[in-house]
Amino acid sequence: MVESKTKKHLYFAVFLLPSFVLYTIFFIYPFLNGLYISLTNWDGLTPRSPIVMDGGDFENLVLGKLKSEKDREYLLSVYARNGDENAYSRLSLSGFERRKVESIFRKAGYESEANRFVGLKNYRDIIGGKVSESFYPRSFDQSYYNTTSSIPQRIAKKDLQKNLLSKLSADERALFDSFYEETKEDFSLRSEWNEFSFEDKIWLIPEFEVEDRIKADSISALISSIRSAALARDRDAWREAVASFVKSENLSAESAKDVESGAEGLWALGELKPVLGAKWTSRGFDLGVIGFTAFFAFFSVIGINLLAFLLALALDTGIKGQKFLRSVFFLPNVLSMVIVALIWKMLFFQMFPRVTGIDQWLSDPAKTPWLIVMVAIWQGAGYYMIVYLAGLQNIPTDVVEAAKIDGASPWQRFTNITMPLLVPALTISFFLTIANALKSFDLIYAMTSGSAYTYGTVPVVLDIFFDAFARKRAGLATAKAMLLFTIIFIVTGIQLYIMKKKEVEQ
């Protein structure tokens, strides 16, 4: 019996139409609204229809530009004039009323400065490299010494030859050796060049230490002037600073001698500081937001799938305690990602330093990206282990037994039977891990708190979060979100296409 078209349309209306309506309300509309926001410079706070507006601007820039008298009357019905402040205040509006007011403002051609339509500017800035430098991978010169700081007492030998000594001229190396002596593990500042002792000669003069007739600010200003003159190698400014202090504070001859002695020491140190500041550098590389996102996605996807697959293979051999081990390996996935992050954060800061003797773990920018990847693998492998284990257990045993009878080795059975029949499990596992890795947020945010930029561990989603809520650039943040959606759609689409093609070939 052939069903009539009327019944088919009825079934469609009853079963499918509500789903399409809900899909439109909860996905299509928010998506299109987000697309519009990405084309604005919205700061995340300023509404499209102002809550309060200057009276002159409201009358000239809005009411005066409207052609419809009905639109003017409607605006005046929802905006009340405050005579004392010469301003118009908007009444509380429902969703449809607010949309109507926004439509009338668009007709008048009025846009708030913090919520204007800017077209594709946000996208051009992102693709053209015009947003913050931390968003893109970049190389930079890393300096190990600031000339305004005190001379370091000890300098470890590690990397010093490459980062400093090899860059010094013969005269600069002789100058460095006159200040530092080489020991087995480091270079130590010679005792006669202790910067604090030079400053103490000035601070301990009787006029300040005993008589208390000189203010501490005066001595601090003198030392600052001496240091500045020493760095600039301006002997006249140095003499002027010392002479002016001695005269204005009416120092005794002995105190003046101590001040000059301390100032001479600071002058001498001022010759080495610019050398350390200019030459003690190395070339660094920052992954940036894009680079770290790609780094995290690549290694977490490979690590999670590889570990999950190996665990599934081990549990598929029929070993004792298989059910217990399956529960143990799956347990981390049951925990909240924030709880997982806090547990591992405690381990990195409290247990690992005591066990290994290495103080810096999560606070070391060189280790932090790898540690975050490790925790992501630990947390996620158990779930995908179940997927792979289900795939392995669905492989027909008679096919495997036939291969054994035919003399196929374990490796031949693995490559020619197990892997081809496991492609559907590989497809779904890689699809989910890639999408989740590119959208990762909670683990990294909980582990690095507010130091993610310092550690170089900011994924795109976390950068979007900071843009929208900390930097008040919701329009730019939404544009980044739209680009991330596009990238995830393309990458996972290509992956699904390739893997599905493999399934058909098998």
Protein backbone atom coordinates (compact mmCIF):
# COMPACT_ATOMS: atom_id res chain seq x y z
CA MET A 1 0.00 0.00 0.00
CA VAL A 2 1.39 3.37 -1.10
CA GLU A 3 1.05 6.20 1.41
CA SER A 4 -0.51 9.39 0.19
CA LYS A 5 1.48 12.60 -0.04
CA THR A 6 -0.80 14.15 2.56
CA LYS A 7 0.25 11.57 5.16
CA LYS A 8 3.90 12.05 4.30
CA HIS A 9 3.59 15.80 4.73
CA LEU A 10 1.75 15.22 7.99
CA TYR A 11 4.50 12.93 9.30
CA PHE A 12 7.06 15.53 8.30
CA ALA A 13 5.17 18.26 10.13
CA VAL A 14 4.65 16.18 13.27
CA PHE A 15 8.10 14.63 13.64
CA LEU A 16 10.63 16.75 11.75
CA LEU A 17 9.29 20.28 11.66
CA PRO A 18 9.58 20.83 15.45
CA SER A 19 13.24 19.76 15.25
CA PHE A 20 13.88 22.23 12.45
CA VAL A 21 12.18 24.99 14.44
CA LEU A 22 14.28 24.26 17.52
CA TYR A 23 17.41 24.00 15.38
CA THR A 24 16.67 27.38 13.88
CA ILE A 25 16.02 28.99 17.27
CA PHE A 26 19.00 27.50 19.08
CA PHE A 27 21.61 27.33 16.30
CA ILE A 28 20.79 29.17 13.09
CA TYR A 29 19.63 32.40 14.75
CA PRO A 30 22.52 32.58 17.30
CA PHE A 31 24.98 31.77 14.51
CA LEU A 32 23.68 34.53 12.26
CA ASN A 33 23.61 36.96 15.18
CA GLY A 34 27.21 36.04 15.98
CA LEU A 35 28.14 36.58 12.34
CA TYR A 36 26.67 40.09 12.53
CA ILE A 37 28.52 40.85 15.78
CA SER A 38 31.78 39.76 14.14
CA LEU A 39 31.23 42.54 11.60
CA THR A 40 31.06 45.22 14.32
CA ASN A 41 33.46 46.84 16.78
CA TRP A 42 31.16 45.98 19.71
CA ASP A 43 32.81 46.21 23.13
CA GLY A 44 30.46 43.66 24.68
CA LEU A 45 28.55 46.22 26.76
CA THR A 46 27.22 49.04 24.60
CA PRO A 47 23.71 48.19 23.28
CA ARG A 48 22.67 48.88 19.69
CA SER A 49 19.99 51.24 20.98
CA PRO A 50 21.48 53.61 23.62
CA ILE A 51 20.05 53.46 27.13
CA VAL A 52 20.84 57.13 27.77
CA MET A 53 21.55 59.67 25.04
CA ASP A 54 22.33 63.39 25.03
CA GLY A 55 19.23 65.42 24.23
CA GLY A 56 20.78 67.37 21.37
CA ASP A 57 22.25 64.24 19.76
CA PHE A 58 18.97 62.35 20.10
CA GLU A 59 16.98 65.13 18.45
CA ASN A 60 19.49 66.00 15.71
CA LEU A 61 21.13 62.68 14.89
CA VAL A 62 18.11 60.40 15.33
CA LEU A 63 14.74 62.15 15.31
CA GLY A 64 15.89 64.70 12.72
CA LYS A 65 17.05 61.95 10.33
CA LEU A 66 13.85 59.89 10.41
CA LYS A 67 11.39 60.25 7.52
CA SER A 68 8.52 58.38 9.18
CA GLU A 69 6.42 60.22 11.75
CA LYS A 70 5.36 56.86 13.22
CA ASP A 71 9.00 56.00 13.92
CA ARG A 72 9.49 59.35 15.70
CA GLU A 73 6.39 58.83 17.79
CA TYR A 74 7.45 55.31 18.71
CA LEU A 75 10.90 56.45 19.82
CA LEU A 76 9.40 59.24 21.91
CA SER A 77 7.12 56.66 23.52
CA VAL A 78 10.06 54.57 24.73
CA TYR A 79 12.53 57.39 25.45
CA ALA A 80 11.72 59.80 28.28
CA ARG A 81 13.32 63.23 28.37
CA ASN A 82 15.12 64.21 31.56
CA GLY A 83 14.92 67.99 31.60
CA ASP A 84 17.45 68.51 34.37
CA GLU A 85 20.21 66.66 32.51
CA ASN A 86 19.02 67.42 28.94
CA ALA A 87 19.10 63.71 28.08
CA TYR A 88 16.76 60.99 26.88
CA SER A 89 16.55 57.74 28.86
CA ARG A 90 15.24 54.53 27.37
CA LEU A 91 12.52 52.58 29.12
CA SER A 92 12.87 48.85 29.78
CA LEU A 93 11.97 46.97 26.58
CA SER A 94 11.06 43.40 25.67
CA GLY A 95 12.94 41.53 22.97
CA PHE A 96 10.64 42.48 20.08
CA GLU A 97 10.38 46.10 21.24
CA ARG A 98 14.17 46.35 21.46
CA ARG A 99 14.54 44.95 17.94
CA LYS A 100 12.08 47.56 16.64
CA VAL A 101 13.99 50.39 18.33
CA GLU A 102 17.26 49.09 16.88
CA SER A 103 15.64 48.99 13.43
CA ILE A 104 14.54 52.63 13.77
CA PHE A 105 18.05 53.69 14.79
CA ARG A 106 19.42 51.93 11.71
CA LYS A 107 16.94 53.85 9.55
CA ALA A 108 18.28 57.07 11.06
CA GLY A 109 21.85 55.94 10.29
CA TYR A 110 22.92 56.25 13.94
CA GLU A 111 25.44 53.87 15.49
CA SER A 112 27.16 54.05 18.86
CA GLU A 113 30.93 54.50 18.70
CA ALA A 114 31.43 51.24 20.62
CA ASN A 115 28.91 49.28 18.55
CA ARG A 116 29.39 50.24 14.91
CA PHE A 117 29.24 48.12 11.77
CA VAL A 118 32.82 47.81 10.45
CA GLY A 119 32.33 45.16 7.79
CA LEU A 120 35.21 42.72 7.28
CA LYS A 121 37.73 44.83 9.19
CA ASN A 122 38.00 42.34 12.07
CA TYR A 123 38.65 39.49 9.66
CA ARG A 124 41.20 41.51 7.68
CA ASP A 125 43.00 42.45 10.89
CA ILE A 126 43.18 38.83 12.05
CA ILE A 127 44.33 37.42 8.72
CA GLY A 128 46.61 40.39 8.02
CA GLY A 129 48.47 40.10 11.33
CA LYS A 130 47.17 43.37 12.78
CA VAL A 131 45.90 42.08 16.13
CA SER A 132 48.20 41.62 19.14
CA GLU A 133 51.64 40.09 18.50
CA SER A 134 50.92 37.31 20.98
CA PHE A 135 48.32 35.90 18.60
CA TYR A 136 50.87 34.85 15.95
CA PRO A 137 54.03 32.71 16.04
CA ARG A 138 57.07 35.02 16.17
CA SER A 139 60.78 35.07 16.90
CA PHE A 140 62.17 37.71 19.24
CA ASP A 141 65.33 38.82 21.02
CA GLN A 142 65.24 37.73 24.64
CA SER A 143 67.31 39.91 26.99
CA TYR A 144 68.67 38.46 30.22
CA TYR A 145 69.69 41.74 31.84
CA ASN A 146 68.12 45.17 32.30
CA THR A 147 70.62 48.03 32.69
CA THR A 148 68.49 49.62 35.42
CA SER A 149 68.98 46.53 37.61
CA SER A 150 71.90 45.77 39.91
CA ILE A 151 74.89 43.84 38.56
CA PRO A 152 74.20 40.10 39.08
CA GLN A 153 76.33 38.54 41.81
CA ARG A 154 76.58 35.20 40.02
CA ILE A 155 76.01 34.15 36.42
CA ALA A 156 75.56 30.44 35.69
CA LYS A 157 77.79 29.05 32.97
CA LYS A 158 74.90 27.30 31.24
CA ASP A 159 74.45 28.85 27.78
CA LEU A 160 76.57 31.87 28.82
CA GLN A 161 79.21 31.16 26.18
CA LYS A 162 76.60 31.20 23.43
CA ASN A 163 74.40 33.99 24.76
CA LEU A 164 77.09 36.45 25.95
CA LEU A 165 80.79 35.61 25.87
CA SER A 166 80.91 34.69 22.17
CA LYS A 167 79.42 38.09 21.30
CA LEU A 168 81.97 40.18 23.21
CA SER A 169 84.88 41.96 21.55
CA ALA A 170 88.37 41.57 23.00
CA ASP A 171 88.04 44.81 25.00
CA GLU A 172 84.56 43.89 26.24
CA ARG A 173 85.76 40.42 27.30
CA ALA A 174 88.65 42.01 29.18
CA LEU A 175 86.18 44.35 30.88
CA PHE A 176 83.94 41.41 31.81
CA ASP A 177 86.89 39.45 33.24
CA SER A 178 87.93 42.44 35.34
CA PHE A 179 84.58 42.30 37.12
CA TYR A 180 83.95 38.54 37.21
CA GLU A 181 86.08 35.56 38.14
CA GLU A 182 85.36 32.13 36.72
CA THR A 183 84.55 29.25 39.06
CA LYS A 184 83.66 25.64 38.35
CA GLU A 185 79.92 26.27 37.96
CA ASP A 186 79.53 29.99 37.33
CA PHE A 187 81.05 33.44 37.04
CA SER A 188 81.12 35.30 40.39
CA LEU A 189 81.30 39.06 40.79
CA ARG A 190 84.58 40.03 42.46
CA SER A 191 84.11 41.21 46.03
CA GLU A 192 85.59 44.65 45.34
CA TRP A 193 82.80 45.33 42.83
CA ASN A 194 79.86 44.64 45.13
CA GLU A 195 77.27 47.24 44.11
CA PHE A 196 75.56 47.25 47.47
CA SER A 197 78.78 48.13 49.26
CA PHE A 198 79.16 51.23 47.05
CA GLU A 199 75.62 52.29 47.85
CA ASP A 200 76.19 51.62 51.56
CA LYS A 201 79.07 54.10 51.59
CA ILE A 202 76.52 56.77 50.72
CA TRP A 203 73.70 55.50 52.93
CA LEU A 204 75.93 55.14 56.04
CA ILE A 205 77.28 58.69 56.22
CA PRO A 206 76.79 60.11 59.77
CA GLU A 207 74.60 62.96 58.56
CA PHE A 208 71.94 60.40 57.64
CA GLU A 209 72.67 57.38 59.83
CA VAL A 210 73.42 59.21 63.11
CA GLU A 211 72.32 62.83 62.90
CA ASP A 212 69.20 62.06 60.85
CA ARG A 213 69.25 65.46 59.15
CA ILE A 214 69.25 64.14 55.58
CA LYS A 215 66.08 62.66 54.10
CA ALA A 216 66.17 59.19 52.58
CA ASP A 217 64.57 60.57 49.40
CA SER A 218 67.58 62.84 48.88
CA ILE A 219 70.03 59.91 49.00
CA SER A 220 67.80 57.81 46.73
CA ALA A 221 67.67 60.70 44.23
CA LEU A 222 71.48 61.05 44.37
CA ILE A 223 72.07 57.32 43.70
CA SER A 224 69.55 57.40 40.85
CA SER A 225 71.32 60.43 39.30
CA ILE A 226 74.72 58.75 39.64
CA ARG A 227 73.47 55.57 37.99
CA SER A 228 71.88 57.49 35.12
CA ALA A 229 75.06 59.50 34.52
CA ALA A 230 77.18 56.32 34.70
CA LEU A 231 75.02 54.54 32.12
CA ALA A 232 75.19 57.58 29.84
CA ARG A 233 78.95 57.88 30.50
CA ASP A 234 78.33 61.57 31.26
CA ARG A 235 81.14 62.54 33.62
CA ASP A 236 80.00 66.16 33.92
CA ALA A 237 76.50 65.11 35.04
CA TRP A 238 78.09 62.69 37.52
CA ARG A 239 80.29 65.43 39.02
CA GLU A 240 77.36 67.86 39.16
CA ALA A 241 75.17 65.32 41.03
CA VAL A 242 77.86 64.57 43.63
CA ALA A 243 78.96 68.19 44.12
CA SER A 244 75.38 69.44 44.41
CA PHE A 245 74.55 66.84 47.06
CA VAL A 246 77.68 67.53 49.10
CA LYS A 247 77.05 71.25 49.04
CA SER A 248 73.27 71.22 49.63
CA GLU A 249 73.50 68.79 52.54
CA ASN A 250 76.58 70.51 54.02
CA LEU A 251 78.53 67.27 54.41
CA SER A 252 81.74 66.95 56.37
CA ALA A 253 84.98 66.32 54.48
CA GLU A 254 85.00 62.66 55.56
CA SER A 255 81.37 62.12 54.51
CA ALA A 256 82.02 63.88 51.19
CA LYS A 257 84.93 61.51 50.62
CA ASP A 258 82.70 58.48 51.31
CA VAL A 259 80.04 59.78 48.92
CA GLU A 260 82.61 60.33 46.18
CA SER A 261 84.09 56.86 46.77
CA GLY A 262 80.71 55.18 46.49
CA ALA A 263 79.87 57.27 43.44
CA GLU A 264 83.15 56.24 41.79
CA GLY A 265 82.28 52.58 42.25
CA LEU A 266 78.84 53.09 40.71
CA TRP A 267 80.47 54.99 37.84
CA ALA A 268 82.77 52.04 37.14
CA LEU A 269 79.89 49.57 37.18
CA GLY A 270 78.07 51.77 34.68
CA GLU A 271 80.64 50.77 32.06
CA LEU A 272 79.75 47.06 32.29
CA LYS A 273 75.97 47.36 32.51
CA PRO A 274 75.38 48.54 28.90
CA VAL A 275 77.56 45.67 27.65
CA LEU A 276 75.50 43.11 29.56
CA GLY A 277 72.24 44.75 28.49
CA ALA A 278 73.16 44.84 24.79
CA LYS A 279 75.06 41.56 24.40
CA TRP A 280 73.52 39.16 26.93
CA THR A 281 70.64 38.08 24.71
CA SER A 282 69.36 35.08 22.83
CA ARG A 283 66.97 34.50 19.99
CA GLY A 284 63.66 33.19 21.32
CA PHE A 285 60.55 31.86 19.62
CA ASP A 286 56.97 32.28 20.78
CA LEU A 287 54.35 29.91 19.43
CA GLY A 288 51.66 32.51 19.97
CA VAL A 289 47.98 31.66 20.22
CA ILE A 290 47.81 30.06 16.77
CA GLY A 291 51.04 28.11 17.22
CA PHE A 292 50.12 26.75 20.64
CA THR A 293 46.65 25.75 19.44
CA ALA A 294 48.21 23.77 16.57
CA PHE A 295 50.87 22.32 18.93
CA PHE A 296 48.29 21.25 21.50
CA ALA A 297 45.91 19.83 18.89
CA PHE A 298 48.61 17.82 17.10
CA PHE A 299 50.28 16.22 20.11
CA SER A 300 47.12 15.69 22.18
CA VAL A 301 45.29 14.06 19.25
CA ILE A 302 48.23 11.77 18.46
CA GLY A 303 48.90 11.03 22.14
CA ILE A 304 45.28 10.33 23.11
CA ASN A 305 44.61 8.04 20.16
CA LEU A 306 47.91 6.19 20.43
CA LEU A 307 47.59 5.56 24.18
CA ALA A 308 43.90 4.65 23.88
CA PHE A 309 44.65 2.23 21.05
CA LEU A 310 47.50 0.55 22.96
CA LEU A 311 45.34 0.19 26.08
CA ALA A 312 42.52 -1.29 23.99
CA LEU A 313 44.91 -3.80 22.40
CA ALA A 314 46.19 -4.80 25.85
CA LEU A 315 42.71 -5.22 27.29
CA ASP A 316 41.54 -7.20 24.25
CA THR A 317 44.00 -10.01 24.98
CA GLY A 318 41.78 -11.42 27.75
CA ILE A 319 44.12 -10.67 30.63
CA LYS A 320 42.91 -11.13 34.21
CA GLY A 321 41.18 -8.16 35.79
CA GLN A 322 40.14 -6.79 32.40
CA LYS A 323 36.94 -5.20 33.71
CA PHE A 324 38.72 -3.64 36.69
CA LEU A 325 41.51 -2.21 34.50
CA ARG A 326 38.95 -0.87 32.04
CA SER A 327 37.25 1.01 34.89
CA VAL A 328 40.59 2.34 36.20
CA PHE A 329 41.65 3.68 32.82
CA PHE A 330 38.22 5.19 32.16
CA LEU A 331 37.98 6.84 35.59
CA PRO A 332 39.87 10.08 34.68
CA ASN A 333 37.27 10.79 32.00
CA VAL A 334 34.51 10.72 34.62
CA LEU A 335 36.16 13.56 36.54
CA SER A 336 35.46 17.18 35.69
CA MET A 337 38.22 18.73 33.57
CA VAL A 338 38.60 21.50 36.16
CA ILE A 339 39.06 18.93 38.96
CA VAL A 340 41.64 17.11 36.84
CA ALA A 341 43.50 20.37 36.25
CA LEU A 342 43.52 21.27 39.96
CA ILE A 343 44.76 17.79 40.95
CA TRP A 344 47.66 17.91 38.50
CA LYS A 345 48.41 21.52 39.35
CA MET A 346 48.86 20.51 42.98
CA LEU A 347 51.16 17.66 41.94
CA PHE A 348 53.31 19.93 39.76
CA PHE A 349 53.70 22.58 42.45
CA GLN A 350 53.97 20.41 45.58
CA MET A 351 54.87 16.76 44.95
CA PHE A 352 57.04 16.81 41.81
CA PRO A 353 59.59 19.36 43.16
CA ARG A 354 60.12 17.23 46.30
CA VAL A 355 60.40 13.95 44.40
CA THR A 356 62.61 15.14 41.54
CA GLY A 357 64.49 18.06 43.11
CA ILE A 358 63.42 20.26 40.16
CA ASP A 359 61.68 23.37 41.49
CA GLN A 360 60.00 24.63 38.35
CA TRP A 361 57.45 22.48 36.58
CA LEU A 362 54.22 24.18 35.62
CA SER A 363 55.85 27.61 36.13
CA ASP A 364 58.53 26.87 33.53
CA PRO A 365 57.46 28.11 30.05
CA ALA A 366 59.62 25.41 28.44
CA LYS A 367 57.81 22.60 30.27
CA THR A 368 54.27 23.95 30.63
CA PRO A 369 52.98 23.22 27.07
CA TRP A 370 54.17 19.60 27.29
CA LEU A 371 52.72 19.15 30.78
CA ILE A 372 49.32 20.40 29.62
CA VAL A 373 49.41 17.99 26.67
CA MET A 374 50.33 15.17 29.07
CA VAL A 375 47.38 15.91 31.35
CA ALA A 376 45.02 16.11 28.36
CA ILE A 377 46.23 12.69 27.18
CA TRP A 378 45.85 11.22 30.69
CA GLN A 379 42.31 12.53 31.00
CA GLY A 380 41.06 11.69 27.50
CA ALA A 381 42.64 8.33 26.67
CA GLY A 382 40.20 6.27 28.76
CA TYR A 383 37.15 7.36 26.78
CA TYR A 384 38.64 6.54 23.38
CA MET A 385 40.03 3.28 24.77
CA ILE A 386 36.38 2.18 25.09
CA VAL A 387 35.72 3.17 21.47
CA TYR A 388 38.72 1.20 20.20
CA LEU A 389 37.94 -1.74 22.46
CA ALA A 390 34.40 -1.88 21.06
CA GLY A 391 35.83 -1.83 17.56
CA LEU A 392 38.27 -4.64 18.36
CA GLN A 393 35.58 -6.81 19.91
CA ASN A 394 33.37 -6.37 16.85
CA ILE A 395 35.99 -7.93 14.60
CA PRO A 396 34.65 -11.40 13.59
CA THR A 397 36.62 -14.12 15.38
CA ASP A 398 36.15 -16.55 12.50
CA VAL A 399 38.10 -14.24 10.19
CA VAL A 400 40.98 -14.09 12.67
CA GLU A 401 40.92 -17.87 13.19
CA ALA A 402 40.94 -18.46 9.42
CA ALA A 403 43.98 -16.21 9.10
CA LYS A 404 45.76 -18.18 11.84
CA ILE A 405 45.00 -21.46 10.05
CA ASP A 406 46.38 -19.98 6.83
CA GLY A 407 49.64 -19.25 8.67
CA ALA A 408 49.36 -15.45 8.97
CA SER A 409 51.75 -14.00 11.54
CA PRO A 410 50.46 -11.71 14.34
CA TRP A 411 51.77 -8.67 12.46
CA GLN A 412 50.07 -9.77 9.23
CA ARG A 413 46.79 -10.31 11.09
CA PHE A 414 47.14 -6.87 12.67
CA THR A 415 47.88 -4.99 9.44
CA ASN A 416 45.55 -6.91 7.12
CA ILE A 417 42.58 -7.65 9.40
CA THR A 418 42.57 -5.64 12.60
CA MET A 419 43.47 -2.21 11.22
CA PRO A 420 41.17 -2.28 8.16
CA LEU A 421 38.20 -3.38 10.26
CA LEU A 422 39.03 -0.77 12.91
CA VAL A 423 38.79 2.19 10.51
CA PRO A 424 35.26 3.21 11.68
CA ALA A 425 36.54 3.47 15.27
CA LEU A 426 39.53 5.46 14.06
CA THR A 427 37.23 7.77 12.13
CA ILE A 428 35.04 8.75 15.08
CA SER A 429 37.97 8.91 17.51
CA PHE A 430 40.05 11.25 15.37
CA PHE A 431 37.02 13.38 14.55
CA LEU A 432 36.17 13.92 18.23
CA THR A 433 39.75 14.43 19.44
CA ILE A 434 40.55 16.96 16.71
CA ALA A 435 37.39 18.98 17.36
CA ASN A 436 37.85 18.87 21.14
CA ALA A 437 41.54 19.81 20.96
CA LEU A 438 40.87 22.86 18.79
CA LYS A 439 38.10 23.94 21.21
CA SER A 440 40.08 23.25 24.40
CA PHE A 441 39.55 25.82 27.16
CA ASP A 442 38.76 24.61 30.68
CA LEU A 443 41.85 22.43 31.26
CA ILE A 444 44.30 25.13 30.20
CA TYR A 445 42.45 27.94 31.97
CA ALA A 446 42.33 25.99 35.25
CA MET A 447 45.98 24.90 35.09
CA THR A 448 47.55 28.24 34.15
CA SER A 449 45.06 30.62 35.83
CA GLY A 450 45.97 34.14 34.69
CA SER A 451 49.51 33.27 33.59
CA ALA A 452 48.73 31.57 30.29
CA TYR A 453 50.26 34.36 28.18
CA THR A 454 53.42 34.26 30.32
CA TYR A 455 53.77 30.51 29.79
CA GLY A 456 52.85 30.73 26.10
CA THR A 457 49.91 28.35 26.58
CA VAL A 458 46.93 30.32 25.27
CA PRO A 459 44.70 28.42 22.82
CA VAL A 460 42.39 30.29 20.48
CA VAL A 461 39.30 29.75 22.66
CA LEU A 462 41.04 31.20 25.73
CA ASP A 463 42.25 34.17 23.67
CA ILE A 464 38.66 34.72 22.51
CA PHE A 465 37.56 34.66 26.15
CA PHE A 466 40.13 37.31 27.13
CA ASP A 467 39.23 39.45 24.11
CA ALA A 468 35.52 39.37 24.86
CA PHE A 469 35.52 39.80 28.64
CA ALA A 470 38.86 41.35 29.63
CA ARG A 471 39.82 43.55 26.68
CA LYS A 472 36.22 44.52 25.81
CA ARG A 473 36.57 43.59 22.13
CA ALA A 474 33.57 41.33 21.65
CA GLY A 475 33.34 42.04 17.91
CA LEU A 476 36.94 40.94 17.30
CA ALA A 477 36.48 37.94 19.62
CA THR A 478 33.40 36.82 17.68
CA ALA A 479 35.30 37.14 14.40
CA LYS A 480 38.00 34.87 15.83
CA ALA A 481 35.30 32.43 16.91
CA MET A 482 33.83 32.40 13.41
CA LEU A 483 37.25 31.72 11.89
CA LEU A 484 37.84 28.93 14.42
CA PHE A 485 34.47 27.40 13.50
CA THR A 486 35.46 27.51 9.84
CA ILE A 487 38.83 25.89 10.52
CA ILE A 488 37.30 23.11 12.63
CA PHE A 489 34.64 22.54 9.95
CA ILE A 490 37.27 22.29 7.19
CA VAL A 491 39.78 20.16 9.12
CA THR A 492 37.23 17.68 10.47
CA GLY A 493 35.46 17.63 7.10
CA ILE A 494 38.68 16.65 5.31
CA GLN A 495 39.45 14.06 7.99
CA LEU A 496 35.98 12.53 7.72
CA TYR A 497 36.18 12.47 3.91
CA ILE A 498 39.53 10.68 3.91
CA MET A 499 38.59 8.20 6.62
CA LYS A 500 35.16 7.43 5.12
CA LYS A 501 36.86 6.82 1.79
CA LYS A 502 39.16 4.37 3.56
CA GLU A 503 36.13 2.61 5.02
CA VAL A 504 34.60 2.15 1.57
CA GLU A 505 37.89 0.84 0.16
CA GLN A 506 38.12 -1.74 2.91
